[in-house]
């Protein structure tokens, strides 16, 4: 990617970028799988976000199987899809119904994304997986490689990718509208769940509706506690990825796409690290350093959570929203308000200073989306790959989760992406992956 200075340069450059973007995973699965008109979906995790993901799948095909470790949630969803077979263990579901399934949705706690997604893809099933794509850096690389090897359609659930606003921002930055960007700031109002706390000492009985061993999945055994299930698992290192993992696949998505912010060379966590090794910190700031990328200059990306925010003067008089992104260029600044760069309602995408860009003329290159899940369904039928396919989403997730490696290591790490290794702190390499419980390996 290059930053052109006029329409001709922009169109030429963006054409090359877009061609590479869409061709990377290629709809090669159409060579080995016959496209179908009505897809059969199996849905893993069917409440909360999993409920809407299941409904999205139901609008594009048949729901043939539902899976959840919580019987109450499973039964609730089964009322809408009474013909679907019900399971608590996705391994049993895939083993028993593999021949009847075209695609899966994976909307579990983060630590189970890769085990479920990998099993499905190895069976040749198309895979939709919620963000972050995986719990660990190594899993993100493996999911990306496996999707390419198995030639399956894939998509991550960062729905902002499919918004007109995000694509407007990406085009504007690639167009060179704000010039060379050497500084990016992204912040979030998360966590909105407990972090910075130790493990509970109480060991209440496991509710009858919860299959606790299946919730644990690949994670080490520990007693049940309502501090983990439901929802609050996000703050616990064994199960979630904290504020960074939860939101950066949304909020960092646009700057990463526009500026090729992958494979940083160093990541520095400016917080004391993980409290007792159990949960992520109550707040953090993390600095990612990127070298020159083609004709793009070296860039520093700052992440803020837990109430931390960038310097207010960067907003040039605009309101500091609870979450947002700032791309600071030498010709102007792009301020994307909110989480998704959607540019709708109260969340605006602003080119600053406002008076300078009052008559900005936008040149669109990226195509409009028919809808996020629709992109995935079309890809499953042999159409164009979804924009947030695992070839892209794997790189994005891998990059983001390096921030958690730095948090857990308690400082600055230097990263060798090609060899997938922290080079200045050998102990930090343990945080790139995990030990899997027997029966839950990838």
Protein backbone atom coordinates (compact mmCIF):
# COMPACT_ATOMS: atom_id res chain seq x y z
CA UNK A 1 0.00 0.00 0.00
CA UNK A 2 1.14 3.52 -0.70
CA UNK A 3 -0.17 6.93 0.13
CA UNK A 4 -0.81 8.67 -3.17
CA UNK A 5 -1.20 12.40 -3.36
CA UNK A 6 -3.89 12.53 -6.00
CA UNK A 7 -6.85 10.61 -7.34
CA UNK A 8 -4.85 8.83 -10.06
CA UNK A 9 -2.24 7.54 -7.62
CA UNK A 10 -4.92 6.57 -5.13
CA UNK A 11 -6.99 4.61 -7.61
CA UNK A 12 -3.94 2.80 -8.94
CA UNK A 13 -2.67 1.92 -5.48
CA UNK A 14 -6.04 0.92 -4.05
CA UNK A 15 -6.74 -1.30 -7.03
CA UNK A 16 -3.58 -3.26 -6.28
CA UNK A 17 -4.37 -3.39 -2.57
CA UNK A 18 -7.95 -4.50 -3.05
CA UNK A 19 -6.96 -7.14 -5.57
CA UNK A 20 -4.42 -8.59 -3.17
CA UNK A 21 -6.91 -8.31 -0.31
CA UNK A 22 -9.66 -10.32 -1.90
CA UNK A 23 -7.40 -12.75 -3.70
CA UNK A 24 -5.39 -13.73 -0.63
CA UNK A 25 -7.66 -16.57 0.53
CA UNK A 26 -9.34 -16.92 -2.90
CA UNK A 27 -12.62 -18.81 -3.20
CA UNK A 28 -10.57 -21.96 -3.75
CA UNK A 29 -13.04 -24.06 -1.76
CA UNK A 30 -15.31 -23.92 -4.79
CA UNK A 31 -12.82 -26.25 -6.50
CA UNK A 32 -13.35 -28.98 -3.94
CA UNK A 33 -16.83 -28.36 -2.55
CA UNK A 34 -20.02 -28.07 -4.50
CA UNK A 35 -21.81 -24.80 -3.69
CA UNK A 36 -25.20 -25.25 -2.06
CA UNK A 37 -28.21 -22.96 -2.10
CA UNK A 38 -29.31 -23.65 1.47
CA UNK A 39 -26.53 -24.07 4.00
CA UNK A 40 -26.72 -26.33 7.04
CA UNK A 41 -25.32 -24.56 10.10
CA UNK A 42 -24.23 -25.93 13.47
CA UNK A 43 -23.98 -23.23 16.13
CA UNK A 44 -21.58 -23.49 19.08
CA UNK A 45 -22.53 -21.07 21.86
CA UNK A 46 -26.11 -19.89 21.40
CA UNK A 47 -26.84 -17.21 24.00
CA UNK A 48 -25.76 -13.59 24.26
CA UNK A 49 -23.84 -12.77 21.10
CA UNK A 50 -24.22 -16.42 20.19
CA UNK A 51 -27.96 -15.91 20.00
CA UNK A 52 -27.69 -13.22 17.34
CA UNK A 53 -25.01 -15.18 15.47
CA UNK A 54 -27.33 -18.19 15.43
CA UNK A 55 -30.17 -16.04 14.14
CA UNK A 56 -27.91 -14.64 11.42
CA UNK A 57 -27.10 -18.18 10.38
CA UNK A 58 -30.79 -19.05 10.43
CA UNK A 59 -31.53 -16.26 7.99
CA UNK A 60 -29.05 -17.77 5.55
CA UNK A 61 -29.67 -21.47 5.97
CA UNK A 62 -30.92 -24.30 8.16
CA UNK A 63 -29.95 -24.58 11.82
CA UNK A 64 -29.35 -28.32 12.11
CA UNK A 65 -27.53 -28.36 15.46
CA UNK A 66 -27.24 -26.21 18.58
CA UNK A 67 -24.51 -26.56 21.17
CA UNK A 68 -24.05 -24.86 24.54
CA UNK A 69 -22.55 -25.86 27.88
CA UNK A 70 -25.52 -24.25 29.65
CA UNK A 71 -28.76 -26.25 29.40
CA UNK A 72 -30.93 -23.24 30.16
CA UNK A 73 -29.44 -21.28 27.28
CA UNK A 74 -29.58 -24.28 25.00
CA UNK A 75 -33.25 -24.95 25.70
CA UNK A 76 -34.11 -21.28 25.24
CA UNK A 77 -32.59 -21.22 21.77
CA UNK A 78 -34.14 -24.56 20.87
CA UNK A 79 -37.57 -22.97 21.18
CA UNK A 80 -36.77 -20.96 18.06
CA UNK A 81 -35.13 -23.87 16.22
CA UNK A 82 -37.02 -26.96 17.40
CA UNK A 83 -35.76 -29.16 14.54
CA UNK A 84 -32.11 -28.65 15.50
CA UNK A 85 -30.37 -31.41 17.45
CA UNK A 86 -29.08 -30.28 20.83
CA UNK A 87 -25.61 -30.89 22.25
CA UNK A 88 -23.51 -29.73 25.18
CA UNK A 89 -20.18 -30.89 23.72
CA UNK A 90 -19.23 -29.56 20.27
CA UNK A 91 -16.85 -32.50 19.82
CA UNK A 92 -19.75 -34.92 20.00
CA UNK A 93 -21.83 -32.70 17.73
CA UNK A 94 -19.21 -32.54 15.00
CA UNK A 95 -18.39 -36.24 15.27
CA UNK A 96 -22.03 -37.31 15.12
CA UNK A 97 -23.35 -34.85 12.56
CA UNK A 98 -20.32 -34.02 10.44
CA UNK A 99 -21.88 -35.23 7.20
CA UNK A 100 -24.93 -33.01 7.75
CA UNK A 101 -23.05 -29.78 8.50
CA UNK A 102 -21.78 -27.26 5.95
CA UNK A 103 -20.65 -24.50 8.32
CA UNK A 104 -20.27 -23.70 12.00
CA UNK A 105 -20.55 -20.57 14.10
CA UNK A 106 -18.28 -20.38 17.15
CA UNK A 107 -19.43 -17.93 19.82
CA UNK A 108 -17.91 -19.35 22.98
CA UNK A 109 -15.60 -17.82 25.58
CA UNK A 110 -12.31 -16.89 23.91
CA UNK A 111 -10.35 -19.90 25.17
CA UNK A 112 -12.57 -22.30 23.22
CA UNK A 113 -12.54 -20.46 19.88
CA UNK A 114 -9.52 -22.24 18.44
CA UNK A 115 -10.29 -25.78 19.68
CA UNK A 116 -13.81 -25.64 18.23
CA UNK A 117 -12.84 -23.78 15.06
CA UNK A 118 -9.85 -26.01 14.35
CA UNK A 119 -11.86 -29.20 14.72
CA UNK A 120 -14.53 -27.89 12.36
CA UNK A 121 -12.08 -26.66 9.73
CA UNK A 122 -10.08 -29.89 9.80
CA UNK A 123 -13.36 -31.61 8.92
CA UNK A 124 -13.74 -29.28 5.95
CA UNK A 125 -16.44 -27.10 7.51
CA UNK A 126 -16.70 -23.40 6.79
CA UNK A 127 -16.15 -21.42 9.98
CA UNK A 128 -17.52 -18.18 11.40
CA UNK A 129 -15.84 -17.29 14.69
CA UNK A 130 -16.43 -14.41 17.03
CA UNK A 131 -13.74 -11.90 17.91
CA UNK A 132 -11.05 -12.14 19.01
CA UNK A 133 -10.41 -15.00 16.64
CA UNK A 134 -8.44 -16.86 19.30
CA UNK A 135 -7.25 -16.77 22.89
CA UNK A 136 -3.54 -16.83 22.03
CA UNK A 137 -1.03 -15.59 19.47
CA UNK A 138 -0.07 -19.10 18.38
CA UNK A 139 -3.70 -20.07 17.90
CA UNK A 140 -4.30 -17.05 15.66
CA UNK A 141 -1.44 -18.09 13.37
CA UNK A 142 -2.65 -21.70 13.32
CA UNK A 143 -6.26 -20.79 12.55
CA UNK A 144 -5.11 -18.67 9.62
CA UNK A 145 -2.87 -21.40 8.26
CA UNK A 146 -5.49 -24.12 8.71
CA UNK A 147 -8.18 -22.13 6.93
CA UNK A 148 -5.87 -21.70 3.94
CA UNK A 149 -4.84 -25.36 3.95
CA UNK A 150 -8.40 -26.67 4.16
CA UNK A 151 -9.73 -24.15 1.62
CA UNK A 152 -12.78 -23.28 3.70
CA UNK A 153 -14.74 -20.04 3.83
CA UNK A 154 -14.14 -18.10 7.03
CA UNK A 155 -15.11 -14.91 8.82
CA UNK A 156 -14.48 -13.28 12.18
CA UNK A 157 -17.31 -11.49 13.95
CA UNK A 158 -15.96 -7.94 13.87
CA UNK A 159 -18.99 -6.59 12.07
CA UNK A 160 -17.62 -3.07 11.70
CA UNK A 161 -15.55 -4.43 8.82
CA UNK A 162 -18.70 -4.48 6.73
CA UNK A 163 -19.86 -0.95 7.54
CA UNK A 164 -19.75 1.80 4.95
CA UNK A 165 -18.13 4.08 7.53
CA UNK A 166 -15.13 1.86 8.17
CA UNK A 167 -14.51 1.41 4.46
CA UNK A 168 -14.85 5.18 3.96
CA UNK A 169 -12.13 5.70 6.58
CA UNK A 170 -9.84 3.11 5.03
CA UNK A 171 -10.22 4.64 1.58
CA UNK A 172 -9.64 8.15 2.96
CA UNK A 173 -6.40 7.15 4.68
CA UNK A 174 -5.13 5.11 1.74
CA UNK A 175 -5.93 8.08 -0.48
CA UNK A 176 -3.37 10.10 1.43
CA UNK A 177 -6.02 12.54 2.66
CA UNK A 178 -4.31 13.01 6.03
CA UNK A 179 -0.82 12.40 4.68
CA UNK A 180 1.78 10.16 6.27
CA UNK A 181 0.50 8.70 9.53
CA UNK A 182 3.15 8.11 12.16
CA UNK A 183 0.94 8.01 15.24
CA UNK A 184 -2.28 6.15 16.08
CA UNK A 185 -4.28 6.25 19.33
CA UNK A 186 -7.15 3.87 20.16
CA UNK A 187 -9.08 3.72 23.44
CA UNK A 188 -12.04 1.84 24.90
CA UNK A 189 -14.41 2.10 27.86
CA UNK A 190 -13.72 -1.55 28.70
CA UNK A 191 -13.39 -3.40 30.97
CA UNK A 192 -17.01 -3.36 32.11
CA UNK A 193 -16.40 -6.58 34.05
CA UNK A 194 -14.12 -7.31 37.03
CA UNK A 195 -10.36 -7.23 36.41
CA UNK A 196 -7.40 -6.78 38.71
CA UNK A 197 -8.65 -9.36 41.20
CA UNK A 198 -7.53 -12.74 42.50
CA UNK A 199 -9.17 -16.15 42.30
CA UNK A 200 -12.29 -16.66 44.44
CA UNK A 201 -11.78 -18.85 47.48
CA UNK A 202 -15.38 -20.05 47.69
CA UNK A 203 -16.32 -23.26 45.90
CA UNK A 204 -20.09 -23.22 45.41
CA UNK A 205 -21.86 -26.17 43.85
CA UNK A 206 -22.01 -26.26 40.08
CA UNK A 207 -25.53 -25.32 38.91
CA UNK A 208 -27.39 -28.26 37.41
CA UNK A 209 -27.74 -26.46 34.09
CA UNK A 210 -23.98 -25.85 33.67
CA UNK A 211 -21.60 -28.49 32.32
CA UNK A 212 -18.53 -27.10 34.04
CA UNK A 213 -15.95 -29.46 32.58
CA UNK A 214 -17.11 -28.48 29.09
CA UNK A 215 -16.86 -24.81 29.98
CA UNK A 216 -13.26 -25.31 31.06
CA UNK A 217 -12.45 -27.03 27.78
CA UNK A 218 -8.71 -26.59 27.13
CA UNK A 219 -8.09 -24.56 30.31
CA UNK A 220 -6.63 -26.03 33.48
CA UNK A 221 -9.07 -27.48 35.98
CA UNK A 222 -10.45 -25.18 38.66
CA UNK A 223 -13.61 -25.18 40.78
CA UNK A 224 -16.77 -23.57 39.45
CA UNK A 225 -17.61 -20.05 40.56
CA UNK A 226 -20.20 -17.58 39.21
CA UNK A 227 -17.34 -15.08 38.81
CA UNK A 228 -16.49 -16.97 35.61
CA UNK A 229 -19.78 -17.94 34.00
CA UNK A 230 -21.61 -16.20 32.46
CA UNK A 231 -19.95 -13.15 30.82
CA UNK A 232 -17.34 -12.24 33.44
CA UNK A 233 -14.95 -14.86 32.06
CA UNK A 234 -13.59 -12.05 29.85
CA UNK A 235 -11.34 -10.67 32.57
CA UNK A 236 -9.83 -14.01 33.58
CA UNK A 237 -6.57 -14.92 31.86
CA UNK A 238 -7.43 -18.62 31.54
CA UNK A 239 -10.67 -17.90 29.68
CA UNK A 240 -10.65 -14.41 28.18
CA UNK A 241 -8.38 -11.82 26.66
CA UNK A 242 -9.34 -8.77 28.73
CA UNK A 243 -10.30 -5.35 27.45
CA UNK A 244 -7.72 -5.45 24.67
CA UNK A 245 -8.83 -8.80 23.27
CA UNK A 246 -12.50 -8.01 23.66
CA UNK A 247 -12.55 -4.69 21.82
CA UNK A 248 -9.41 -4.15 19.74
CA UNK A 249 -10.62 -6.41 16.93
CA UNK A 250 -13.32 -3.74 16.57
CA UNK A 251 -11.57 -0.51 17.44
CA UNK A 252 -8.15 -1.25 15.93
CA UNK A 253 -9.67 -2.86 12.85
CA UNK A 254 -9.92 0.32 10.78
CA UNK A 255 -6.43 1.72 11.51
CA UNK A 256 -4.86 -1.71 11.03
CA UNK A 257 -6.57 -2.16 7.69
CA UNK A 258 -5.81 1.35 6.49
CA UNK A 259 -2.18 1.43 7.60
CA UNK A 260 -1.09 -2.21 7.43
CA UNK A 261 -0.53 -2.30 11.19
CA UNK A 262 0.56 -5.90 11.50
CA UNK A 263 3.75 -7.52 12.75
CA UNK A 264 5.01 -4.88 15.20
CA UNK A 265 8.66 -5.10 16.15
CA UNK A 266 8.16 -4.13 19.78
CA UNK A 267 5.28 -3.94 22.24
CA UNK A 268 5.51 -2.22 25.61
CA UNK A 269 2.94 -2.50 28.40
CA UNK A 270 2.80 0.50 30.69
CA UNK A 271 0.95 -1.16 33.55
CA UNK A 272 2.09 -3.33 36.45
CA UNK A 273 1.08 -6.60 34.81
CA UNK A 274 -1.47 -9.24 35.66
CA UNK A 275 -2.69 -9.35 39.25
CA UNK A 276 -1.72 -12.71 40.77
CA UNK A 277 -1.64 -14.21 37.29
CA UNK A 278 -5.44 -14.58 37.33
CA UNK A 279 -6.97 -11.50 35.71
CA UNK A 280 -5.95 -8.70 33.39
CA UNK A 281 -5.18 -5.30 34.96
CA UNK A 282 -7.90 -2.80 35.80
CA UNK A 283 -6.33 -0.46 33.27
CA UNK A 284 -3.47 -0.47 30.81
CA UNK A 285 -1.70 1.51 28.15
CA UNK A 286 0.27 -0.40 25.54
CA UNK A 287 2.61 0.91 22.85
CA UNK A 288 3.12 -0.97 19.57
CA UNK A 289 6.03 0.05 17.31
CA UNK A 290 5.90 -0.66 13.56
CA UNK A 291 8.77 -0.28 11.12
CA UNK A 292 8.42 1.21 7.65
CA UNK A 293 6.00 -0.90 5.61
CA UNK A 294 6.62 -0.44 1.91
CA UNK A 295 6.19 3.30 1.39
CA UNK A 296 4.32 3.70 4.68
CA UNK A 297 6.48 5.36 7.34
CA UNK A 298 7.31 3.86 10.71
CA UNK A 299 4.35 4.21 13.06
CA UNK A 300 3.59 4.05 16.77
CA UNK A 301 0.20 2.80 17.94
CA UNK A 302 -0.99 3.53 21.49
CA UNK A 303 -3.74 1.49 23.16
CA UNK A 304 -5.66 2.70 26.24
CA UNK A 305 -8.26 0.94 28.42
CA UNK A 306 -9.75 1.12 31.91
CA UNK A 307 -10.33 4.87 31.73
CA UNK A 308 -6.98 5.81 30.21
CA UNK A 309 -7.22 8.10 27.18
CA UNK A 310 -4.94 9.93 24.74
CA UNK A 311 -3.91 13.59 25.14
CA UNK A 312 -7.01 15.76 24.73
CA UNK A 313 -5.25 18.27 22.49
CA UNK A 314 -5.13 15.66 19.73
CA UNK A 315 -8.92 16.05 19.37
CA UNK A 316 -8.61 19.67 18.23
CA UNK A 317 -11.63 20.76 20.28
CA UNK A 318 -13.82 17.73 19.59
CA UNK A 319 -15.49 15.73 22.36
CA UNK A 320 -13.45 12.91 23.90
CA UNK A 321 -15.83 9.99 23.48
CA UNK A 322 -15.70 6.91 25.71
CA UNK A 323 -14.03 5.01 22.89
CA UNK A 324 -12.50 5.95 19.58
CA UNK A 325 -9.51 6.05 17.27
CA UNK A 326 -7.20 8.87 16.17
CA UNK A 327 -4.94 8.59 13.15
CA UNK A 328 -2.53 11.53 13.22
CA UNK A 329 -1.08 12.42 9.84
CA UNK A 330 1.16 15.22 8.64
CA UNK A 331 -1.72 16.71 6.60
CA UNK A 332 -4.58 16.14 9.03
CA UNK A 333 -6.15 13.80 11.57
CA UNK A 334 -8.89 11.20 11.25
CA UNK A 335 -11.01 10.95 14.40
CA UNK A 336 -13.30 7.92 14.42
CA UNK A 337 -15.73 8.05 17.32
CA UNK A 338 -17.07 4.88 18.93
CA UNK A 339 -16.05 1.27 18.54
CA UNK A 340 -16.63 0.29 14.93
CA UNK A 341 -15.76 3.28 12.70
CA UNK A 342 -19.32 3.02 11.45
CA UNK A 343 -19.82 6.77 11.26
CA UNK A 344 -23.52 6.60 12.15
CA UNK A 345 -25.64 8.26 14.84
CA UNK A 346 -23.51 9.93 17.50
CA UNK A 347 -20.41 8.13 16.27
CA UNK A 348 -18.89 10.30 13.57
CA UNK A 349 -15.83 9.88 11.40
CA UNK A 350 -14.24 13.33 11.33
CA UNK A 351 -11.39 14.73 9.29
CA UNK A 352 -9.61 17.38 11.37
CA UNK A 353 -9.29 20.30 11.31
CA UNK A 354 -12.88 20.54 10.16
CA UNK A 355 -12.45 23.75 8.18
CA UNK A 356 -9.59 22.30 6.14
CA UNK A 357 -11.66 19.31 5.04
CA UNK A 358 -15.03 21.06 4.69
CA UNK A 359 -15.10 20.36 0.95
CA UNK A 360 -13.39 16.98 1.04
CA UNK A 361 -14.23 14.87 -2.01
CA UNK A 362 -14.20 11.15 -1.25
CA UNK A 363 -12.96 8.55 -3.73
CA UNK A 364 -14.38 5.12 -2.96
CA UNK A 365 -12.47 1.99 -3.85
CA UNK A 366 -13.49 -0.65 -1.36
CA UNK A 367 -16.86 -2.17 -2.30
CA UNK A 368 -19.91 -1.74 -0.10
CA UNK A 369 -20.87 -4.83 1.85
CA UNK A 370 -24.15 -6.74 1.49
CA UNK A 371 -23.96 -7.34 5.25
CA UNK A 372 -21.40 -8.96 7.49
CA UNK A 373 -22.83 -12.46 7.84
CA UNK A 374 -24.13 -12.31 4.28
CA UNK A 375 -20.51 -12.00 3.14
CA UNK A 376 -19.75 -15.24 4.99
CA UNK A 377 -22.78 -17.08 3.64
CA UNK A 378 -21.95 -16.01 0.09
CA UNK A 379 -18.37 -17.20 0.55
CA UNK A 380 -19.62 -20.58 1.77
CA UNK A 381 -21.49 -20.90 -1.51
CA UNK A 382 -18.36 -20.26 -3.56
CA UNK A 383 -18.55 -16.48 -3.78
CA UNK A 384 -15.98 -13.85 -2.89
CA UNK A 385 -14.19 -14.28 0.46
CA UNK A 386 -15.55 -12.26 3.36
CA UNK A 387 -13.34 -9.24 3.99
CA UNK A 388 -12.68 -10.30 7.59
CA UNK A 389 -11.71 -13.83 6.58
CA UNK A 390 -9.12 -15.62 8.68
CA UNK A 391 -6.29 -14.57 6.35
CA UNK A 392 -6.95 -11.03 7.58
CA UNK A 393 -8.54 -11.69 10.98
CA UNK A 394 -5.75 -14.05 11.99
CA UNK A 395 -3.13 -11.35 11.40
CA UNK A 396 -5.23 -8.76 13.22
CA UNK A 397 -5.83 -11.01 16.22
CA UNK A 398 -2.20 -12.14 16.37
CA UNK A 399 -1.06 -8.52 16.43
CA UNK A 400 -3.53 -7.46 19.09
CA UNK A 401 -2.86 -10.37 21.42
CA UNK A 402 0.83 -9.50 21.48
CA UNK A 403 -0.31 -6.69 23.76
CA UNK A 404 -1.47 -9.28 26.28
CA UNK A 405 1.88 -11.04 26.02
CA UNK A 406 3.55 -7.75 26.97
CA UNK A 407 1.06 -7.25 29.82
CA UNK A 408 1.75 -10.70 31.22
CA UNK A 409 5.50 -10.29 30.77
CA UNK A 410 5.27 -6.98 32.61
CA UNK A 411 7.09 -4.65 30.24
CA UNK A 412 8.59 -4.33 26.76
CA UNK A 413 8.99 -7.23 24.37
CA UNK A 414 10.72 -7.36 20.99
CA UNK A 415 8.92 -9.45 18.39
CA UNK A 416 10.23 -11.58 15.53
CA UNK A 417 7.04 -12.28 13.58
CA UNK A 418 8.61 -14.56 10.98
CA UNK A 419 9.98 -16.92 13.61
CA UNK A 420 7.12 -16.22 16.02
CA UNK A 421 9.37 -15.48 18.95
CA UNK A 422 9.97 -12.85 21.61
CA UNK A 423 13.68 -12.15 21.27
CA UNK A 424 14.52 -10.06 24.35
CA UNK A 425 12.66 -12.00 27.04
CA UNK A 426 12.70 -15.79 26.76
CA UNK A 427 10.19 -16.19 29.58
CA UNK A 428 7.62 -14.14 27.66
CA UNK A 429 7.39 -16.83 24.98
CA UNK A 430 5.35 -19.00 27.35
CA UNK A 431 2.51 -16.50 26.95
CA UNK A 432 2.25 -17.05 23.19
CA UNK A 433 0.26 -20.24 23.76
CA UNK A 434 -0.89 -22.59 26.49
CA UNK A 435 -0.86 -26.16 27.75
CA UNK A 436 -4.10 -27.86 26.70
CA UNK A 437 -6.01 -30.26 28.90
CA UNK A 438 -6.15 -33.81 27.64
CA UNK A 439 -8.92 -34.19 25.09
CA UNK A 440 -8.87 -30.52 24.08
CA UNK A 441 -5.72 -30.19 21.99
CA UNK A 442 -5.70 -28.55 18.57
